[in-house]
Amino acid sequence: MTDTPSFELPLFPLQSVLFPDGLLGLKVFEARYLDLVGECLRERKPFGVVALKKGSEVRGNGAPGDVALESIGCLAELIDVDSPQSGILQVRCRGTRRFETAGTSQQANHLWVAQARLLPDDETVLPTEELVGSAQGLANAIATLKQQGNAPFLEPYRFEDAGWIANRWCEILPISVAAKQKLMELPDPLVRLKLVDEFLRSKGVVG
């Protein structure tokens, strides 16, 4: 793997995992994150989403020693920003590239920043024959969710892409944040989909 140059990246820690091509909705009200969204909007640049390994990240009350962040996250690009009331932003973002951090620190306003480098995109590979059931199962799940008025995924849908299928399942499966993090980090999309497929079969979702 070719090393990519590192760059400074502002971080938005969450109790969840963002996957490439995933849809993320945020309600932003803290000053540090209002400023971050404003800057990203003006400069048309992404920010980094990382999962919290330990601690809470509300209002910057936690000292650095009380909070631990995952070292691999996903860039988030703004899709739209709405301000339903003063001091609150409703934000929708799209996950793009995974990144790895080499170190994190907090600025004076408690915003986390990291030295980060981009990780390779998933290779686009077809699901193998034994994993086609997971693709069909996801199509069925999307149809059911749409009937319920829920559209958790961004189009276009890519049922021919093993990594995309795995990522969308990971977003809606009832598994822990730690498990989702491990799956997101896997560099091989077929391995990720195989693990998802095994889980689906164990629950009777895929026959």
C-alpha atoms as a PDB file:
ATOM      1  CA  MET A   1       0.000   0.000   0.000  1.00  0.00           C
ATOM      2  CA  THR A   2       1.350   3.396  -1.004  1.00  0.00           C
ATOM      3  CA  ASP A   3       1.664   5.890   1.804  1.00  0.00           C
ATOM      4  CA  THR A   4      -0.491   8.970   1.368  1.00  0.00           C
ATOM      5  CA  PRO A   5       0.489  12.377   2.768  1.00  0.00           C
ATOM      6  CA  SER A   6      -0.926  13.327   6.141  1.00  0.00           C
ATOM      7  CA  PHE A   7      -3.086  16.389   6.689  1.00  0.00           C
ATOM      8  CA  GLU A   8      -4.803  18.140   9.579  1.00  0.00           C
ATOM      9  CA  LEU A   9      -8.406  17.042   9.953  1.00  0.00           C
ATOM     10  CA  PRO A  10     -11.076  18.374  12.331  1.00  0.00           C
ATOM     11  CA  LEU A  11     -12.995  15.547  14.000  1.00  0.00           C
ATOM     12  CA  PHE A  12     -16.600  15.007  15.044  1.00  0.00           C
ATOM     13  CA  PRO A  13     -16.656  12.107  17.549  1.00  0.00           C
ATOM     14  CA  LEU A  14     -19.901  10.129  17.726  1.00  0.00           C
ATOM     15  CA  GLN A  15     -21.359   7.104  19.481  1.00  0.00           C
ATOM     16  CA  SER A  16     -21.744   5.545  16.029  1.00  0.00           C
ATOM     17  CA  VAL A  17     -19.741   4.534  12.962  1.00  0.00           C
ATOM     18  CA  LEU A  18     -19.909   6.272   9.585  1.00  0.00           C
ATOM     19  CA  PHE A  19     -19.289   4.078   6.534  1.00  0.00           C
ATOM     20  CA  PRO A  20     -18.248   5.175   3.035  1.00  0.00           C
ATOM     21  CA  ASP A  21     -21.372   6.154   1.047  1.00  0.00           C
ATOM     22  CA  GLY A  22     -23.347   6.223   4.282  1.00  0.00           C
ATOM     23  CA  LEU A  23     -25.928   8.866   5.161  1.00  0.00           C
ATOM     24  CA  LEU A  24     -25.396  10.746   8.411  1.00  0.00           C
ATOM     25  CA  GLY A  25     -27.834  13.166  10.002  1.00  0.00           C
ATOM     26  CA  LEU A  26     -26.595  15.488  12.751  1.00  0.00           C
ATOM     27  CA  LYS A  27     -28.240  18.001  15.043  1.00  0.00           C
ATOM     28  CA  VAL A  28     -25.494  20.525  15.756  1.00  0.00           C
ATOM     29  CA  PHE A  29     -25.757  23.005  18.615  1.00  0.00           C
ATOM     30  CA  GLU A  30     -22.349  23.221  20.324  1.00  0.00           C
ATOM     31  CA  ALA A  31     -20.316  26.289  19.365  1.00  0.00           C
ATOM     32  CA  ARG A  32     -17.255  24.270  18.311  1.00  0.00           C
ATOM     33  CA  TYR A  33     -19.296  22.170  15.887  1.00  0.00           C
ATOM     34  CA  LEU A  34     -21.384  25.098  14.626  1.00  0.00           C
ATOM     35  CA  ASP A  35     -18.077  26.780  13.738  1.00  0.00           C
ATOM     36  CA  LEU A  36     -16.799  23.554  12.151  1.00  0.00           C
ATOM     37  CA  VAL A  37     -19.871  23.121   9.952  1.00  0.00           C
ATOM     38  CA  GLY A  38     -19.718  26.791   8.938  1.00  0.00           C
ATOM     39  CA  GLU A  39     -16.079  26.481   7.946  1.00  0.00           C
ATOM     40  CA  CYS A  40     -16.660  23.262   5.995  1.00  0.00           C
ATOM     41  CA  LEU A  41     -19.614  24.862   4.229  1.00  0.00           C
ATOM     42  CA  ARG A  42     -17.643  27.967   3.252  1.00  0.00           C
ATOM     43  CA  GLU A  43     -14.531  26.110   2.159  1.00  0.00           C
ATOM     44  CA  ARG A  44     -16.358  23.091   0.673  1.00  0.00           C
ATOM     45  CA  LYS A  45     -14.227  20.672   2.653  1.00  0.00           C
ATOM     46  CA  PRO A  46     -15.045  17.545   4.662  1.00  0.00           C
ATOM     47  CA  PHE A  47     -14.570  16.778   8.333  1.00  0.00           C
ATOM     48  CA  GLY A  48     -13.727  13.482   9.972  1.00  0.00           C
ATOM     49  CA  VAL A  49     -16.199  11.295  11.856  1.00  0.00           C
ATOM     50  CA  VAL A  50     -14.715   8.918  14.428  1.00  0.00           C
ATOM     51  CA  ALA A  51     -16.401   6.604  16.900  1.00  0.00           C
ATOM     52  CA  LEU A  52     -15.862   7.070  20.612  1.00  0.00           C
ATOM     53  CA  LYS A  53     -14.033   4.153  22.200  1.00  0.00           C
ATOM     54  CA  LYS A  54     -14.380   5.539  25.712  1.00  0.00           C
ATOM     55  CA  GLY A  55     -16.013   8.464  27.428  1.00  0.00           C
ATOM     56  CA  SER A  56     -18.558  11.057  26.380  1.00  0.00           C
ATOM     57  CA  GLU A  57     -18.111  13.991  24.058  1.00  0.00           C
ATOM     58  CA  VAL A  58     -20.921  16.279  25.178  1.00  0.00           C
ATOM     59  CA  ARG A  59     -20.125  19.989  25.471  1.00  0.00           C
ATOM     60  CA  GLY A  60     -16.411  19.365  25.802  1.00  0.00           C
ATOM     61  CA  ASN A  61     -16.617  18.551  29.504  1.00  0.00           C
ATOM     62  CA  GLY A  62     -14.358  15.528  29.226  1.00  0.00           C
ATOM     63  CA  ALA A  63     -10.648  16.088  29.565  1.00  0.00           C
ATOM     64  CA  PRO A  64      -8.516  14.376  26.891  1.00  0.00           C
ATOM     65  CA  GLY A  65      -7.681  11.600  29.337  1.00  0.00           C
ATOM     66  CA  ASP A  66     -11.360  10.797  29.827  1.00  0.00           C
ATOM     67  CA  VAL A  67     -12.082  10.314  26.118  1.00  0.00           C
ATOM     68  CA  ALA A  68     -10.632   7.771  23.685  1.00  0.00           C
ATOM     69  CA  LEU A  69     -11.300   7.938  19.953  1.00  0.00           C
ATOM     70  CA  GLU A  70     -11.006   5.206  17.354  1.00  0.00           C
ATOM     71  CA  SER A  71      -7.984   5.690  15.095  1.00  0.00           C
ATOM     72  CA  ILE A  72      -9.857   4.876  11.866  1.00  0.00           C
ATOM     73  CA  GLY A  73     -12.817   6.952  10.755  1.00  0.00           C
ATOM     74  CA  CYS A  74     -14.586   8.215   7.662  1.00  0.00           C
ATOM     75  CA  LEU A  75     -14.651  11.610   5.990  1.00  0.00           C
ATOM     76  CA  ALA A  76     -18.052  13.310   5.887  1.00  0.00           C
ATOM     77  CA  GLU A  77     -19.024  15.777   3.172  1.00  0.00           C
ATOM     78  CA  LEU A  78     -21.964  18.111   3.649  1.00  0.00           C
ATOM     79  CA  ILE A  79     -25.067  17.421   1.550  1.00  0.00           C
ATOM     80  CA  ASP A  80     -27.353  20.060   3.028  1.00  0.00           C
ATOM     81  CA  VAL A  81     -27.543  22.284   6.089  1.00  0.00           C
ATOM     82  CA  ASP A  82     -30.730  23.726   7.552  1.00  0.00           C
ATOM     83  CA  SER A  83     -31.238  26.065  10.505  1.00  0.00           C
ATOM     84  CA  PRO A  84     -34.688  25.355  12.002  1.00  0.00           C
ATOM     85  CA  GLN A  85     -34.014  27.741  14.886  1.00  0.00           C
ATOM     86  CA  SER A  86     -31.283  30.070  16.046  1.00  0.00           C
ATOM     87  CA  GLY A  87     -28.181  28.249  17.277  1.00  0.00           C
ATOM     88  CA  ILE A  88     -29.173  24.842  15.880  1.00  0.00           C
ATOM     89  CA  LEU A  89     -28.208  23.275  12.562  1.00  0.00           C
ATOM     90  CA  GLN A  90     -29.741  20.171  11.024  1.00  0.00           C
ATOM     91  CA  VAL A  91     -27.029  18.653   8.857  1.00  0.00           C
ATOM     92  CA  ARG A  92     -27.017  15.778   6.377  1.00  0.00           C
ATOM     93  CA  CYS A  93     -23.678  14.323   5.329  1.00  0.00           C
ATOM     94  CA  ARG A  94     -22.347  11.601   3.043  1.00  0.00           C
ATOM     95  CA  GLY A  95     -19.493   9.322   4.086  1.00  0.00           C
ATOM     96  CA  THR A  96     -16.652   9.299   1.562  1.00  0.00           C
ATOM     97  CA  ARG A  97     -13.111   8.060   2.298  1.00  0.00           C
ATOM     98  CA  ARG A  98     -11.792   6.167   5.297  1.00  0.00           C
ATOM     99  CA  PHE A  99      -8.814   7.678   7.094  1.00  0.00           C
ATOM    100  CA  GLU A 100      -6.383   6.746   9.836  1.00  0.00           C
ATOM    101  CA  THR A 101      -5.177   9.160  12.504  1.00  0.00           C
ATOM    102  CA  ALA A 102      -1.622   9.331  13.755  1.00  0.00           C
ATOM    103  CA  GLY A 103      -2.450  11.460  16.779  1.00  0.00           C
ATOM    104  CA  THR A 104      -5.248  13.648  18.111  1.00  0.00           C
ATOM    105  CA  SER A 105      -5.412  16.795  20.210  1.00  0.00           C
ATOM    106  CA  GLN A 106      -7.986  19.306  21.356  1.00  0.00           C
ATOM    107  CA  GLN A 107      -7.926  22.968  20.454  1.00  0.00           C
ATOM    108  CA  ALA A 108      -8.756  25.744  22.919  1.00  0.00           C
ATOM    109  CA  ASN A 109     -12.446  25.530  21.930  1.00  0.00           C
ATOM    110  CA  HIS A 110     -12.379  21.740  22.640  1.00  0.00           C
ATOM    111  CA  LEU A 111     -12.592  20.801  18.953  1.00  0.00           C
ATOM    112  CA  TRP A 112     -10.691  17.585  18.266  1.00  0.00           C
ATOM    113  CA  VAL A 113      -8.171  17.645  15.421  1.00  0.00           C
ATOM    114  CA  ALA A 114      -5.948  14.900  14.055  1.00  0.00           C
ATOM    115  CA  GLN A 115      -3.084  14.286  11.723  1.00  0.00           C
ATOM    116  CA  ALA A 116      -4.735  11.924   9.277  1.00  0.00           C
ATOM    117  CA  ARG A 117      -3.972  10.030   6.105  1.00  0.00           C
ATOM    118  CA  LEU A 118      -6.446   8.563   3.660  1.00  0.00           C
ATOM    119  CA  LEU A 119      -6.889   4.813   3.372  1.00  0.00           C
ATOM    120  CA  PRO A 120      -7.538   3.044   0.059  1.00  0.00           C
ATOM    121  CA  ASP A 121     -11.105   2.818  -1.196  1.00  0.00           C
ATOM    122  CA  ASP A 122     -12.714  -0.602  -1.294  1.00  0.00           C
ATOM    123  CA  GLU A 123     -12.055  -2.391  -4.538  1.00  0.00           C
ATOM    124  CA  THR A 124     -15.317  -2.738  -6.456  1.00  0.00           C
ATOM    125  CA  VAL A 125     -15.974  -6.484  -6.576  1.00  0.00           C
ATOM    126  CA  LEU A 126     -19.084  -8.525  -7.307  1.00  0.00           C
ATOM    127  CA  PRO A 127     -20.535 -10.534  -4.420  1.00  0.00           C
ATOM    128  CA  THR A 128     -19.603 -14.178  -4.861  1.00  0.00           C
ATOM    129  CA  GLU A 129     -22.357 -16.687  -5.617  1.00  0.00           C
ATOM    130  CA  GLU A 130     -22.746 -17.706  -1.971  1.00  0.00           C
ATOM    131  CA  LEU A 131     -23.178 -14.047  -0.970  1.00  0.00           C
ATOM    132  CA  VAL A 132     -25.843 -13.113  -3.522  1.00  0.00           C
ATOM    133  CA  GLY A 133     -28.507 -13.818  -0.879  1.00  0.00           C
ATOM    134  CA  SER A 134     -27.224 -10.883   1.163  1.00  0.00           C
ATOM    135  CA  ALA A 135     -27.625  -8.595  -1.843  1.00  0.00           C
ATOM    136  CA  GLN A 136     -31.193  -9.775  -2.413  1.00  0.00           C
ATOM    137  CA  GLY A 137     -31.929  -9.534   1.288  1.00  0.00           C
ATOM    138  CA  LEU A 138     -30.751  -5.914   1.304  1.00  0.00           C
ATOM    139  CA  ALA A 139     -32.949  -5.093  -1.693  1.00  0.00           C
ATOM    140  CA  ASN A 140     -35.912  -6.581   0.198  1.00  0.00           C
ATOM    141  CA  ALA A 141     -35.005  -4.627   3.348  1.00  0.00           C
ATOM    142  CA  ILE A 142     -34.819  -1.365   1.369  1.00  0.00           C
ATOM    143  CA  ALA A 143     -38.224  -2.035  -0.195  1.00  0.00           C
ATOM    144  CA  THR A 144     -39.731  -2.700   3.250  1.00  0.00           C
ATOM    145  CA  LEU A 145     -38.163   0.420   4.739  1.00  0.00           C
ATOM    146  CA  LYS A 146     -39.441   2.548   1.864  1.00  0.00           C
ATOM    147  CA  GLN A 147     -42.962   1.221   2.424  1.00  0.00           C
ATOM    148  CA  GLN A 148     -42.598   2.416   6.024  1.00  0.00           C
ATOM    149  CA  GLY A 149     -41.535   5.858   4.809  1.00  0.00           C
ATOM    150  CA  ASN A 150     -37.912   5.318   5.781  1.00  0.00           C
ATOM    151  CA  ALA A 151     -35.048   5.881   3.327  1.00  0.00           C
ATOM    152  CA  PRO A 152     -31.804   5.382   5.254  1.00  0.00           C
ATOM    153  CA  PHE A 153     -29.537   4.993   2.221  1.00  0.00           C
ATOM    154  CA  LEU A 154     -28.341   7.366  -0.462  1.00  0.00           C
ATOM    155  CA  GLU A 155     -28.933   6.457  -4.070  1.00  0.00           C
ATOM    156  CA  PRO A 156     -27.712   5.083  -6.422  1.00  0.00           C
ATOM    157  CA  TYR A 157     -28.003   1.595  -4.940  1.00  0.00           C
ATOM    158  CA  ARG A 158     -25.085  -0.638  -5.920  1.00  0.00           C
ATOM    159  CA  PHE A 159     -26.185  -4.240  -5.492  1.00  0.00           C
ATOM    160  CA  GLU A 160     -23.284  -5.375  -7.702  1.00  0.00           C
ATOM    161  CA  ASP A 161     -20.711  -3.984  -5.236  1.00  0.00           C
ATOM    162  CA  ALA A 162     -19.834  -6.280  -2.307  1.00  0.00           C
ATOM    163  CA  GLY A 163     -18.414  -3.448  -0.185  1.00  0.00           C
ATOM    164  CA  TRP A 164     -21.475  -1.250  -0.678  1.00  0.00           C
ATOM    165  CA  ILE A 165     -23.807  -4.113   0.256  1.00  0.00           C
ATOM    166  CA  ALA A 166     -21.789  -4.932   3.376  1.00  0.00           C
ATOM    167  CA  ASN A 167     -21.642  -1.300   4.473  1.00  0.00           C
ATOM    168  CA  ARG A 168     -25.382  -0.765   4.148  1.00  0.00           C
ATOM    169  CA  TRP A 169     -26.146  -3.903   6.162  1.00  0.00           C
ATOM    170  CA  CYS A 170     -23.656  -2.798   8.842  1.00  0.00           C
ATOM    171  CA  GLU A 171     -25.537   0.478   9.216  1.00  0.00           C
ATOM    172  CA  ILE A 172     -28.885  -1.157  10.027  1.00  0.00           C
ATOM    173  CA  LEU A 173     -27.917  -4.379  11.788  1.00  0.00           C
ATOM    174  CA  PRO A 174     -28.458  -4.525  15.579  1.00  0.00           C
ATOM    175  CA  ILE A 175     -24.779  -4.975  16.415  1.00  0.00           C
ATOM    176  CA  SER A 176     -22.500  -3.011  18.740  1.00  0.00           C
ATOM    177  CA  VAL A 177     -20.595   0.099  17.743  1.00  0.00           C
ATOM    178  CA  ALA A 178     -17.365  -1.835  18.394  1.00  0.00           C
ATOM    179  CA  ALA A 179     -18.454  -4.570  15.957  1.00  0.00           C
ATOM    180  CA  LYS A 180     -19.412  -2.006  13.323  1.00  0.00           C
ATOM    181  CA  GLN A 181     -16.029  -0.325  13.781  1.00  0.00           C
ATOM    182  CA  LYS A 182     -14.156  -3.607  13.216  1.00  0.00           C
ATOM    183  CA  LEU A 183     -16.184  -4.302  10.081  1.00  0.00           C
ATOM    184  CA  MET A 184     -15.638  -0.778   8.717  1.00  0.00           C
ATOM    185  CA  GLU A 185     -11.878  -1.147   9.218  1.00  0.00           C
ATOM    186  CA  LEU A 186     -11.605  -4.380   7.205  1.00  0.00           C
ATOM    187  CA  PRO A 187      -9.684  -3.684   3.975  1.00  0.00           C
ATOM    188  CA  ASP A 188     -11.263  -6.564   2.025  1.00  0.00           C
ATOM    189  CA  PRO A 189     -14.916  -5.912   1.069  1.00  0.00           C
ATOM    190  CA  LEU A 190     -15.608  -9.596   0.390  1.00  0.00           C
ATOM    191  CA  VAL A 191     -14.425 -10.553   3.867  1.00  0.00           C
ATOM    192  CA  ARG A 192     -16.661  -7.825   5.325  1.00  0.00           C
ATOM    193  CA  LEU A 193     -19.665  -9.083   3.355  1.00  0.00           C
ATOM    194  CA  LYS A 194     -18.926 -12.695   4.296  1.00  0.00           C
ATOM    195  CA  LEU A 195     -19.014 -11.818   8.002  1.00  0.00           C
ATOM    196  CA  VAL A 196     -22.264  -9.895   7.495  1.00  0.00           C
ATOM    197  CA  ASP A 197     -23.707 -12.832   5.541  1.00  0.00           C
ATOM    198  CA  GLU A 198     -22.828 -15.250   8.361  1.00  0.00           C
ATOM    199  CA  PHE A 199     -24.616 -12.988  10.850  1.00  0.00           C
ATOM    200  CA  LEU A 200     -27.684 -12.727   8.601  1.00  0.00           C
ATOM    201  CA  ARG A 201     -27.827 -16.506   8.186  1.00  0.00           C
ATOM    202  CA  SER A 202     -27.499 -17.022  11.942  1.00  0.00           C
ATOM    203  CA  LYS A 203     -30.548 -14.800  12.428  1.00  0.00           C
ATOM    204  CA  GLY A 204     -32.541 -16.416   9.634  1.00  0.00           C
ATOM    205  CA  VAL A 205     -32.600 -13.213   7.561  1.00  0.00           C
ATOM    206  CA  VAL A 206     -30.881 -14.968   4.647  1.00  0.00           C
ATOM    207  CA  GLY A 207     -31.636 -18.609   3.916  1.00  0.00           C
END
